[in-house]
Amino acid sequence: LWVLSEALIPRGKGYDFNQALMDFGAMMCTARKPTCLLCPMRNICLTISSDEK
């Protein structure tokens, strides 16, 4: 996981990346009206894959 995170997140930007990911989730992954069909992370989403089973 460290190798992957180092490849994806610019050095010194971990806080910004994590904050952006939390903001993204707060907008897209709402409990009452999730926007799964519009989500660019749909193909790797663990919630969608568990709901489809």
N, C-alpha and C. Protein backbone atom coordinates (compact mmCIF):
# COMPACT_ATOMS: atom_id res chain seq x y z
N LEU A 1 0.81 -1.20 0.00
CA LEU A 1 0.00 0.00 0.00
C LEU A 1 0.85 1.26 0.00
N TRP A 2 2.00 1.19 0.68
CA TRP A 2 2.86 2.38 0.71
C TRP A 2 3.34 2.75 -0.69
N VAL A 3 3.72 1.75 -1.48
CA VAL A 3 4.20 2.01 -2.84
C VAL A 3 3.09 2.64 -3.67
N LEU A 4 1.90 2.12 -3.56
CA LEU A 4 0.76 2.66 -4.30
C LEU A 4 0.45 4.08 -3.87
N SER A 5 0.42 4.33 -2.57
CA SER A 5 0.12 5.68 -2.10
C SER A 5 1.20 6.67 -2.51
N GLU A 6 2.45 6.25 -2.50
CA GLU A 6 3.53 7.14 -2.93
C GLU A 6 3.43 7.45 -4.42
N ALA A 7 2.92 6.50 -5.20
CA ALA A 7 2.77 6.72 -6.64
C ALA A 7 1.59 7.64 -6.95
N LEU A 8 0.56 7.61 -6.13
CA LEU A 8 -0.66 8.37 -6.41
C LEU A 8 -0.71 9.75 -5.76
N ILE A 9 -0.07 9.90 -4.61
CA ILE A 9 -0.18 11.14 -3.84
C ILE A 9 1.15 11.88 -3.86
N PRO A 10 1.17 13.11 -4.35
CA PRO A 10 2.42 13.87 -4.36
C PRO A 10 2.96 14.05 -2.93
N ARG A 11 4.26 13.98 -2.80
CA ARG A 11 4.92 14.15 -1.49
C ARG A 11 4.49 15.46 -0.85
N GLY A 12 4.11 15.40 0.40
CA GLY A 12 3.69 16.58 1.13
C GLY A 12 2.24 16.97 0.92
N LYS A 13 1.51 16.20 0.14
CA LYS A 13 0.11 16.53 -0.16
C LYS A 13 -0.87 15.50 0.42
N GLY A 14 -0.41 14.68 1.34
CA GLY A 14 -1.26 13.66 1.93
C GLY A 14 -2.50 14.23 2.60
N TYR A 15 -2.33 15.31 3.35
CA TYR A 15 -3.47 15.94 4.03
C TYR A 15 -4.49 16.43 3.00
N ASP A 16 -4.01 17.13 1.97
CA ASP A 16 -4.90 17.65 0.94
C ASP A 16 -5.64 16.53 0.23
N PHE A 17 -4.93 15.45 -0.09
CA PHE A 17 -5.54 14.31 -0.76
C PHE A 17 -6.63 13.69 0.12
N ASN A 18 -6.31 13.46 1.38
CA ASN A 18 -7.29 12.86 2.30
C ASN A 18 -8.51 13.76 2.47
N GLN A 19 -8.29 15.05 2.58
CA GLN A 19 -9.41 15.99 2.73
C GLN A 19 -10.29 15.98 1.49
N ALA A 20 -9.66 15.97 0.32
CA ALA A 20 -10.41 15.94 -0.94
C ALA A 20 -11.22 14.65 -1.05
N LEU A 21 -10.65 13.54 -0.63
CA LEU A 21 -11.36 12.26 -0.68
C LEU A 21 -12.56 12.26 0.26
N MET A 22 -12.40 12.85 1.43
CA MET A 22 -13.52 12.96 2.37
C MET A 22 -14.61 13.88 1.80
N ASP A 23 -14.23 14.99 1.19
CA ASP A 23 -15.20 15.90 0.58
C ASP A 23 -15.94 15.20 -0.56
N PHE A 24 -15.21 14.45 -1.37
CA PHE A 24 -15.80 13.71 -2.47
C PHE A 24 -16.85 12.73 -1.94
N GLY A 25 -16.49 11.97 -0.92
CA GLY A 25 -17.42 11.01 -0.33
C GLY A 25 -18.65 11.68 0.25
N ALA A 26 -18.46 12.84 0.87
CA ALA A 26 -19.59 13.56 1.46
C ALA A 26 -20.57 14.03 0.40
N MET A 27 -20.08 14.32 -0.79
CA MET A 27 -20.95 14.78 -1.87
C MET A 27 -21.58 13.62 -2.64
N MET A 28 -20.84 12.57 -2.89
CA MET A 28 -21.31 11.49 -3.75
C MET A 28 -21.97 10.34 -2.98
N CYS A 29 -21.47 10.03 -1.81
CA CYS A 29 -21.89 8.83 -1.08
C CYS A 29 -22.85 9.16 0.06
N THR A 30 -23.90 9.87 -0.26
CA THR A 30 -24.86 10.24 0.78
C THR A 30 -25.76 9.06 1.12
N ALA A 31 -26.23 9.00 2.34
CA ALA A 31 -27.06 7.87 2.79
C ALA A 31 -28.43 7.87 2.13
N ARG A 32 -29.03 9.03 1.98
CA ARG A 32 -30.40 9.09 1.46
C ARG A 32 -30.49 9.10 -0.06
N LYS A 33 -29.50 9.69 -0.71
CA LYS A 33 -29.57 9.79 -2.17
C LYS A 33 -28.16 9.72 -2.77
N PRO A 34 -27.53 8.55 -2.74
CA PRO A 34 -26.19 8.42 -3.30
C PRO A 34 -26.23 8.57 -4.82
N THR A 35 -25.17 9.07 -5.38
CA THR A 35 -25.10 9.27 -6.83
C THR A 35 -24.15 8.25 -7.46
N CYS A 36 -24.39 7.00 -7.16
CA CYS A 36 -23.53 5.91 -7.61
C CYS A 36 -23.39 5.86 -9.13
N LEU A 37 -24.46 6.09 -9.85
CA LEU A 37 -24.40 6.00 -11.31
C LEU A 37 -23.51 7.06 -11.93
N LEU A 38 -23.30 8.17 -11.24
CA LEU A 38 -22.46 9.25 -11.74
C LEU A 38 -21.04 9.19 -11.20
N CYS A 39 -20.79 8.31 -10.28
CA CYS A 39 -19.51 8.28 -9.56
C CYS A 39 -18.38 7.74 -10.44
N PRO A 40 -17.27 8.49 -10.53
CA PRO A 40 -16.13 8.02 -11.31
C PRO A 40 -15.38 6.87 -10.63
N MET A 41 -15.69 6.57 -9.39
CA MET A 41 -15.02 5.48 -8.67
C MET A 41 -15.90 4.24 -8.56
N ARG A 42 -16.99 4.23 -9.31
CA ARG A 42 -17.96 3.14 -9.25
C ARG A 42 -17.32 1.77 -9.48
N ASN A 43 -16.37 1.67 -10.37
CA ASN A 43 -15.79 0.37 -10.71
C ASN A 43 -14.90 -0.20 -9.61
N ILE A 44 -14.50 0.62 -8.63
CA ILE A 44 -13.68 0.11 -7.53
C ILE A 44 -14.37 0.25 -6.18
N CYS A 45 -15.62 0.66 -6.18
CA CYS A 45 -16.35 0.93 -4.94
C CYS A 45 -16.72 -0.38 -4.23
N LEU A 46 -16.33 -0.50 -2.98
CA LEU A 46 -16.65 -1.71 -2.21
C LEU A 46 -18.11 -1.77 -1.83
N THR A 47 -18.75 -0.64 -1.64
CA THR A 47 -20.16 -0.62 -1.26
C THR A 47 -21.03 -1.11 -2.41
N ILE A 48 -20.76 -0.63 -3.61
CA ILE A 48 -21.55 -1.06 -4.77
C ILE A 48 -21.37 -2.55 -5.00
N SER A 49 -20.15 -3.03 -4.94
CA SER A 49 -19.92 -4.45 -5.19
C SER A 49 -20.58 -5.32 -4.13
N SER A 50 -20.65 -4.86 -2.88
CA SER A 50 -21.31 -5.65 -1.84
C SER A 50 -22.84 -5.56 -1.98
N ASP A 51 -23.36 -4.44 -2.47
CA ASP A 51 -24.81 -4.29 -2.67
C ASP A 51 -25.30 -5.12 -3.85
N GLU A 52 -24.44 -5.36 -4.84
CA GLU A 52 -24.85 -6.10 -6.03
C GLU A 52 -24.86 -7.60 -5.81
N LYS A 53 -24.33 -8.06 -4.69
CA LYS A 53 -24.27 -9.51 -4.42
C LYS A 53 -25.58 -10.02 -3.88
